[in-house]
């Protein structure tokens, strides 16, 4: 027969193959996510690939001794990989066990979501302006119950005033993180496992703890730096610095949409910003020269980047200071004025002194002249009267 009959057994075999392929695909996907979010795992993975490549070369060149050693290493390599990747495998199993289909953030109403975003953005901007360190974690699909146990329970509504008061350095709850479940503050002063990534020295313990939590859960953490006052977001083992406007947009996308839509929207937002910068011929290090006609056109229509900078400067309370040259000129002019005033005062003092001397001299002359007149007989003396 030219065509085989489709039987029930063949359909079952096809479904089994699809299920088998899907399971393998999910496992590979999670392994790639672990490898991507951990720099140490990337280095180990490169070493495994190098060993396999050396085994292939040794087989082609007939290097029997090297081939035998590599065969033994690959034969027992499974146990070695399991021992090396114990923390990563444990984290992956924890994420699988804590995964939930529904998130408390997505169950909020429209007004509750809007209020939550406003309170978080207001708190982050005030803390950044004051350069007060803060960690604010939003729970999503994965449960953070184990981390909530490490902190102090609060169970209060989310307000910017409460968040700002928690992270004041003089309070006992400022050292740690605030965990938010839905629109409620579950706890404060919670502690997270730090990441094993090699981060730059400008990132402190808060950034490392936030990245470490984002590596093992799907939570999102808002970080405010105590040294620089910058606002950052930790998600999926990555760190992104944002201003107030970007933070508001990100939180709106996060709370109202799914994780996939958020990542797509952020990618489109970054592409749009790159397109705007390339359109304006602006370089991150220096600004290229443009024609006067282009400058006139650009001055009449402000760009999005200029508007964002102006809003950000107003929000963060950044004010322009006088340049050093003008300050030095002002100081020099003030010094000159002081010198002229002192000279005028000294000259006035000298004039007063000379006038006093002249008056005293004239008085002395008058007394001398009167004495002479008396001696010459102009006026009778006491002896003559007697």
Protein backbone atom coordinates (compact mmCIF):
# COMPACT_ATOMS: atom_id res chain seq x y z
CA UNK A 1 0.00 0.00 0.00
CA UNK A 2 1.36 3.46 -0.87
CA UNK A 3 0.15 5.05 2.34
CA UNK A 4 0.32 3.46 5.76
CA UNK A 5 -2.85 3.37 7.75
CA UNK A 6 -2.95 5.83 10.68
CA UNK A 7 -3.66 3.72 13.71
CA UNK A 8 -4.36 4.63 17.29
CA UNK A 9 -0.95 3.32 18.34
CA UNK A 10 0.86 5.61 15.89
CA UNK A 11 -0.99 8.65 17.30
CA UNK A 12 0.03 7.66 20.82
CA UNK A 13 3.65 7.25 19.73
CA UNK A 14 3.61 10.71 18.15
CA UNK A 15 2.20 12.25 21.32
CA UNK A 16 4.87 10.51 23.39
CA UNK A 17 7.57 11.93 21.13
CA UNK A 18 6.12 15.43 21.47
CA UNK A 19 5.96 15.14 25.27
CA UNK A 20 9.51 13.77 25.38
CA UNK A 21 10.81 16.63 23.25
CA UNK A 22 8.93 19.21 25.34
CA UNK A 23 10.42 17.93 28.59
CA UNK A 24 13.93 18.01 27.14
CA UNK A 25 13.30 21.52 25.82
CA UNK A 26 12.16 22.76 29.27
CA UNK A 27 15.22 21.23 30.96
CA UNK A 28 17.59 22.78 28.43
CA UNK A 29 15.82 26.12 28.83
CA UNK A 30 16.27 26.14 32.61
CA UNK A 31 19.90 25.04 32.29
CA UNK A 32 20.58 27.89 29.87
CA UNK A 33 18.93 30.36 32.26
CA UNK A 34 21.17 29.15 35.08
CA UNK A 35 24.25 29.41 32.87
CA UNK A 36 23.28 32.89 31.68
CA UNK A 37 22.68 34.36 35.14
CA UNK A 38 25.85 33.04 36.79
CA UNK A 39 29.32 34.01 35.60
CA UNK A 40 30.96 31.14 37.55
CA UNK A 41 28.68 28.65 35.81
CA UNK A 42 29.62 30.14 32.44
CA UNK A 43 33.31 29.52 33.14
CA UNK A 44 32.64 25.91 34.20
CA UNK A 45 30.49 25.34 31.13
CA UNK A 46 33.32 26.62 28.93
CA UNK A 47 35.68 24.16 30.62
CA UNK A 48 33.31 21.26 29.87
CA UNK A 49 33.08 22.29 26.22
CA UNK A 50 36.89 22.50 26.06
CA UNK A 51 37.26 18.96 27.45
CA UNK A 52 34.82 17.60 24.85
CA UNK A 53 36.71 19.40 22.07
CA UNK A 54 40.03 17.98 23.30
CA UNK A 55 38.49 14.49 23.31
CA UNK A 56 37.44 14.95 19.68
CA UNK A 57 40.92 16.17 18.66
CA UNK A 58 42.64 13.31 20.52
CA UNK A 59 40.42 10.81 18.71
CA UNK A 60 41.18 12.32 15.31
CA UNK A 61 44.96 12.48 15.93
CA UNK A 62 45.09 9.01 17.55
CA UNK A 63 46.52 10.28 20.84
CA UNK A 64 45.78 7.14 22.82
CA UNK A 65 46.97 8.23 26.28
CA UNK A 66 45.18 11.58 26.19
CA UNK A 67 42.09 9.93 24.74
CA UNK A 68 42.02 7.34 27.57
CA UNK A 69 42.34 10.04 30.26
CA UNK A 70 39.59 12.13 28.70
CA UNK A 71 37.35 9.07 28.38
CA UNK A 72 37.70 8.41 32.11
CA UNK A 73 37.01 12.06 32.89
CA UNK A 74 33.90 12.12 30.71
CA UNK A 75 32.72 8.77 32.07
CA UNK A 76 32.65 10.06 35.64
CA UNK A 77 31.98 13.63 34.60
CA UNK A 78 28.30 13.40 35.43
CA UNK A 79 29.01 13.01 39.13
CA UNK A 80 31.58 15.81 38.96
CA UNK A 81 29.06 18.14 37.32
CA UNK A 82 26.44 17.31 39.94
CA UNK A 83 28.90 18.03 42.76
CA UNK A 84 30.06 21.31 41.18
CA UNK A 85 26.58 22.56 40.35
CA UNK A 86 24.95 21.71 43.69
CA UNK A 87 23.98 25.36 44.51
CA UNK A 88 22.63 25.98 41.02
CA UNK A 89 20.66 22.72 40.94
CA UNK A 90 19.22 23.45 44.38
CA UNK A 91 18.20 26.94 43.26
CA UNK A 92 16.54 25.53 40.15
CA UNK A 93 14.59 22.97 42.18
CA UNK A 94 13.53 25.67 44.65
CA UNK A 95 12.25 27.83 41.81
CA UNK A 96 10.29 24.91 40.39
CA UNK A 97 8.77 24.12 43.78
CA UNK A 98 7.85 27.74 44.59
CA UNK A 99 6.44 28.63 41.21
CA UNK A 100 2.85 29.84 41.30
CA UNK A 101 0.56 30.50 38.37
CA UNK A 102 -1.02 33.62 39.90
CA UNK A 103 0.76 36.61 41.38
CA UNK A 104 -0.59 38.77 44.19
CA UNK A 105 0.27 41.89 42.19
CA UNK A 106 -1.91 40.88 39.24
CA UNK A 107 -4.91 40.27 41.53
CA UNK A 108 -5.11 43.95 42.54
CA UNK A 109 -7.70 46.30 41.11
CA UNK A 110 -6.84 49.19 38.81
CA UNK A 111 -6.93 51.86 41.53
CA UNK A 112 -4.88 49.71 43.91
CA UNK A 113 -2.22 49.14 41.24
CA UNK A 114 -2.02 52.85 40.45
CA UNK A 115 -1.76 53.78 44.12
CA UNK A 116 0.94 51.15 44.71
CA UNK A 117 3.03 52.48 41.82
CA UNK A 118 2.66 56.07 43.04
CA UNK A 119 3.72 55.20 46.58
CA UNK A 120 6.74 53.19 45.42
CA UNK A 121 7.94 55.88 43.00
CA UNK A 122 7.47 58.65 45.59
CA UNK A 123 9.37 56.68 48.22
CA UNK A 124 12.22 55.85 45.82
CA UNK A 125 12.63 59.47 44.69
CA UNK A 126 12.63 60.84 48.24
CA UNK A 127 15.13 58.22 49.41
CA UNK A 128 17.35 58.86 46.38
CA UNK A 129 17.25 62.62 46.96
CA UNK A 130 18.30 62.13 50.58
CA UNK A 131 20.86 59.44 49.61
CA UNK A 132 19.29 56.94 51.99
CA UNK A 133 19.97 53.29 51.16
CA UNK A 134 16.92 51.09 50.61
CA UNK A 135 15.82 47.64 49.40
CA UNK A 136 12.17 47.16 48.38
CA UNK A 137 11.24 43.72 47.01
CA UNK A 138 8.01 42.90 45.16
CA UNK A 139 6.87 39.28 45.41
CA UNK A 140 5.55 37.73 42.20
CA UNK A 141 4.98 34.08 41.27
CA UNK A 142 7.60 32.57 43.57
CA UNK A 143 6.81 32.62 47.27
CA UNK A 144 9.14 34.62 49.54
CA UNK A 145 7.83 33.09 52.78
CA UNK A 146 11.27 31.77 53.77
CA UNK A 147 12.79 35.25 53.46
CA UNK A 148 9.87 36.91 55.24
CA UNK A 149 10.64 34.74 58.28
CA UNK A 150 14.10 36.34 58.54
CA UNK A 151 12.62 39.84 58.96
CA UNK A 152 10.26 41.67 61.28
CA UNK A 153 6.57 41.25 60.37
CA UNK A 154 4.65 44.48 59.70
CA UNK A 155 1.50 43.64 57.67
CA UNK A 156 0.67 47.24 56.78
CA UNK A 157 -0.49 49.08 53.68
CA UNK A 158 2.17 50.49 51.36
CA UNK A 159 2.77 54.22 51.87
CA UNK A 160 5.75 56.33 50.91
CA UNK A 161 5.92 57.86 54.41
CA UNK A 162 6.16 54.44 56.05
CA UNK A 163 8.82 53.24 53.60
CA UNK A 164 10.91 56.38 54.11
CA UNK A 165 10.66 56.10 57.90
CA UNK A 166 11.70 52.44 57.83
CA UNK A 167 14.96 53.15 56.00
CA UNK A 168 16.07 56.09 58.17
CA UNK A 169 19.50 55.14 59.52
CA UNK A 170 18.54 55.82 63.13
CA UNK A 171 15.72 53.23 63.10
CA UNK A 172 16.35 49.56 63.97
CA UNK A 173 14.66 48.25 60.77
CA UNK A 174 16.73 50.14 58.19
CA UNK A 175 19.35 47.39 57.79
CA UNK A 176 17.68 44.88 55.46
CA UNK A 177 14.92 44.70 52.86
CA UNK A 178 11.21 45.41 52.82
CA UNK A 179 9.12 42.66 51.18
CA UNK A 180 5.79 43.62 49.62
CA UNK A 181 3.05 41.05 48.98
CA UNK A 182 0.32 42.53 46.82
CA UNK A 183 -0.40 45.97 48.27
CA UNK A 184 0.78 45.10 51.81
CA UNK A 185 4.18 45.39 53.46
CA UNK A 186 4.80 41.87 54.74
CA UNK A 187 8.02 42.50 56.66
CA UNK A 188 11.05 44.74 57.06
CA UNK A 189 14.72 44.06 57.80
CA UNK A 190 14.73 40.82 55.76
CA UNK A 191 18.00 39.32 54.53
CA UNK A 192 18.77 37.82 51.12
CA UNK A 193 21.60 35.57 49.90
CA UNK A 194 24.31 37.58 48.11
CA UNK A 195 25.19 36.80 44.53
CA UNK A 196 28.37 35.00 43.50
CA UNK A 197 28.84 37.22 40.43
CA UNK A 198 31.91 39.41 40.06
CA UNK A 199 30.34 42.86 40.33
CA UNK A 200 32.12 46.23 40.10
CA UNK A 201 33.36 47.74 43.33
CA UNK A 202 30.81 50.57 43.19
CA UNK A 203 28.04 48.06 44.02
CA UNK A 204 27.65 47.34 47.70
CA UNK A 205 25.93 44.73 49.84
CA UNK A 206 22.43 45.91 48.89
CA UNK A 207 23.02 45.43 45.18
CA UNK A 208 24.61 42.01 45.72
CA UNK A 209 21.73 40.85 47.90
CA UNK A 210 19.13 42.07 45.41
CA UNK A 211 20.85 40.32 42.49
CA UNK A 212 21.25 37.15 44.57
CA UNK A 213 17.53 37.05 45.29
CA UNK A 214 16.64 37.70 41.64
CA UNK A 215 18.79 34.72 40.61
CA UNK A 216 16.73 32.24 42.65
CA UNK A 217 13.26 33.86 42.40
CA UNK A 218 11.24 35.90 39.93
CA UNK A 219 10.94 38.80 42.36
CA UNK A 220 11.78 42.40 41.47
CA UNK A 221 13.80 44.54 43.88
CA UNK A 222 14.13 48.34 43.90
CA UNK A 223 17.56 49.45 45.16
CA UNK A 224 18.51 52.98 46.24
CA UNK A 225 22.24 53.54 46.60
CA UNK A 226 23.39 55.19 49.80
CA UNK A 227 26.57 56.59 48.23
CA UNK A 228 25.33 57.90 44.86
CA UNK A 229 21.56 58.13 45.37
CA UNK A 230 20.85 56.22 42.13
CA UNK A 231 17.79 54.00 41.68
CA UNK A 232 18.26 50.48 40.28
CA UNK A 233 16.11 47.44 39.51
CA UNK A 234 17.28 43.85 40.08
CA UNK A 235 15.48 41.22 38.03
CA UNK A 236 16.59 37.88 36.59
CA UNK A 237 20.15 38.26 37.85
CA UNK A 238 20.59 41.61 36.10
CA UNK A 239 20.79 45.18 37.34
CA UNK A 240 19.32 48.22 35.55
CA UNK A 241 19.75 51.83 36.64
CA UNK A 242 16.65 54.01 36.19
CA UNK A 243 15.33 57.46 36.91
CA UNK A 244 11.90 58.22 38.38
CA UNK A 245 10.09 58.30 35.01
CA UNK A 246 11.61 54.99 33.88
CA UNK A 247 10.81 53.42 37.24
CA UNK A 248 7.17 54.45 36.98
CA UNK A 249 6.90 53.07 33.45
CA UNK A 250 8.58 49.82 34.46
CA UNK A 251 6.34 49.27 37.49
CA UNK A 252 3.20 49.99 35.48
CA UNK A 253 4.24 47.37 32.93
CA UNK A 254 5.24 44.90 35.64
CA UNK A 255 2.06 45.11 37.70
CA UNK A 256 -0.46 45.40 34.87
CA UNK A 257 1.09 43.03 32.32
CA UNK A 258 2.78 39.66 32.27
CA UNK A 259 6.53 39.13 32.52
CA UNK A 260 6.85 38.45 28.79
CA UNK A 261 5.05 41.66 27.86
CA UNK A 262 7.25 43.60 30.27
CA UNK A 263 10.46 42.29 28.70
CA UNK A 264 9.17 43.01 25.20
CA UNK A 265 8.09 46.51 26.18
CA UNK A 266 11.43 47.25 27.82
CA UNK A 267 13.24 46.04 24.71
CA UNK A 268 11.09 48.27 22.52
CA UNK A 269 11.64 51.18 24.92
CA UNK A 270 15.42 50.76 24.76
CA UNK A 271 15.34 50.54 20.96
CA UNK A 272 13.22 53.70 20.80
CA UNK A 273 15.66 55.57 23.04
CA UNK A 274 18.60 54.42 20.89
CA UNK A 275 16.75 55.53 17.78
CA UNK A 276 16.09 58.96 19.28
CA UNK A 277 19.73 59.38 20.28
CA UNK A 278 20.99 58.35 16.86
CA UNK A 279 18.49 60.70 15.25
CA UNK A 280 19.80 63.61 17.34
CA UNK A 281 23.45 62.79 16.51
CA UNK A 282 24.32 62.65 20.22
CA UNK A 283 27.30 60.62 21.37
CA UNK A 284 27.61 59.43 24.99
CA UNK A 285 31.10 60.92 25.30
CA UNK A 286 31.06 63.97 23.04
CA UNK A 287 28.52 65.89 20.97
CA UNK A 288 29.15 66.13 17.28
CA UNK A 289 29.04 69.50 15.48
CA UNK A 290 25.89 70.27 13.56
CA UNK A 291 24.80 73.05 11.22
CA UNK A 292 23.18 76.24 12.45
CA UNK A 293 19.96 75.40 10.63
CA UNK A 294 19.75 72.10 12.52
CA UNK A 295 20.33 73.93 15.78
CA UNK A 296 17.48 76.34 15.06
CA UNK A 297 15.12 73.51 14.31
CA UNK A 298 16.12 71.58 17.41
CA UNK A 299 15.82 74.62 19.65
CA UNK A 300 12.19 75.18 18.63
CA UNK A 301 11.14 71.59 19.29
CA UNK A 302 12.52 70.08 22.51
CA UNK A 303 13.38 66.38 22.29
CA UNK A 304 12.23 63.63 24.62
CA UNK A 305 15.68 63.20 26.14
CA UNK A 306 15.90 66.90 27.07
CA UNK A 307 12.45 66.79 28.66
CA UNK A 308 13.39 63.71 30.68
CA UNK A 309 16.58 65.38 31.92
CA UNK A 310 14.73 68.52 33.00
CA UNK A 311 12.05 66.54 34.82
CA UNK A 312 14.67 64.33 36.47
CA UNK A 313 16.69 67.32 37.66
CA UNK A 314 13.60 68.94 39.17
CA UNK A 315 12.53 65.67 40.82
CA UNK A 316 15.91 64.87 42.27
CA UNK A 317 16.45 68.43 43.54
CA UNK A 318 19.63 68.93 41.54
CA UNK A 319 20.47 72.60 41.16
CA UNK A 320 23.18 74.11 39.04
CA UNK A 321 26.10 75.65 40.89
CA UNK A 322 28.24 78.59 39.85
CA UNK A 323 31.36 77.72 37.86
CA UNK A 324 34.68 77.92 39.60
CA UNK A 325 35.89 80.79 37.39
CA UNK A 326 32.97 83.05 38.32
CA UNK A 327 33.34 82.12 41.97
CA UNK A 328 37.05 83.04 41.91
CA UNK A 329 36.26 86.32 40.14
CA UNK A 330 33.59 87.14 42.72
CA UNK A 331 35.99 86.37 45.54
CA UNK A 332 38.75 88.50 44.00
CA UNK A 333 36.34 91.43 43.49
CA UNK A 334 35.18 91.11 47.10
CA UNK A 335 38.80 91.12 48.28
CA UNK A 336 39.54 94.23 46.22
CA UNK A 337 36.49 95.98 47.68
CA UNK A 338 37.65 95.10 51.19
CA UNK A 339 41.12 96.47 50.44
CA UNK A 340 39.72 99.74 49.08
CA UNK A 341 37.47 100.09 52.12
CA UNK A 342 40.39 99.51 54.47
CA UNK A 343 42.50 102.05 52.57
CA UNK A 344 39.69 104.62 52.75
CA UNK A 345 39.29 104.02 56.46
CA UNK A 346 43.02 104.41 57.05
CA UNK A 347 43.13 107.64 55.01
CA UNK A 348 40.19 109.00 56.99
CA UNK A 349 41.95 108.13 60.23
CA UNK A 350 45.11 109.89 59.05
CA UNK A 351 43.10 113.01 58.09
CA UNK A 352 41.47 113.05 61.51
CA UNK A 353 44.85 112.71 63.20
CA UNK A 354 46.41 115.53 61.15
CA UNK A 355 43.43 117.79 61.86
CA UNK A 356 43.78 117.08 65.59
CA UNK A 357 47.48 117.88 65.45
CA UNK A 358 46.85 121.14 63.61
CA UNK A 359 44.21 122.17 66.16
CA UNK A 360 46.56 121.42 69.03
CA UNK A 361 49.33 123.45 67.35
CA UNK A 362 47.02 126.45 66.82
CA UNK A 363 45.90 126.30 70.45
CA UNK A 364 49.51 126.23 71.59
CA UNK A 365 50.32 129.27 69.42
CA UNK A 366 47.35 131.16 70.84
CA UNK A 367 48.43 130.48 74.41
CA UNK A 368 51.99 131.56 73.66
CA UNK A 369 50.83 134.80 72.07
CA UNK A 370 48.59 135.59 75.04
CA UNK A 371 51.49 134.98 77.41
CA UNK A 372 53.69 137.38 75.45
CA UNK A 373 51.06 140.10 75.57
CA UNK A 374 50.81 139.72 79.31
CA UNK A 375 54.56 139.97 79.69
CA UNK A 376 54.73 143.20 77.62
CA UNK A 377 52.15 144.97 79.81
CA UNK A 378 49.11 144.64 77.80
CA UNK A 379 47.28 143.50 80.94
CA UNK A 380 48.24 144.36 84.57
CA UNK A 381 49.98 141.70 86.57
CA UNK A 382 49.10 140.75 90.12
CA UNK A 383 52.31 142.33 91.49
CA UNK A 384 51.57 145.71 89.92
CA UNK A 385 48.09 145.80 91.36
CA UNK A 386 49.49 145.12 94.79
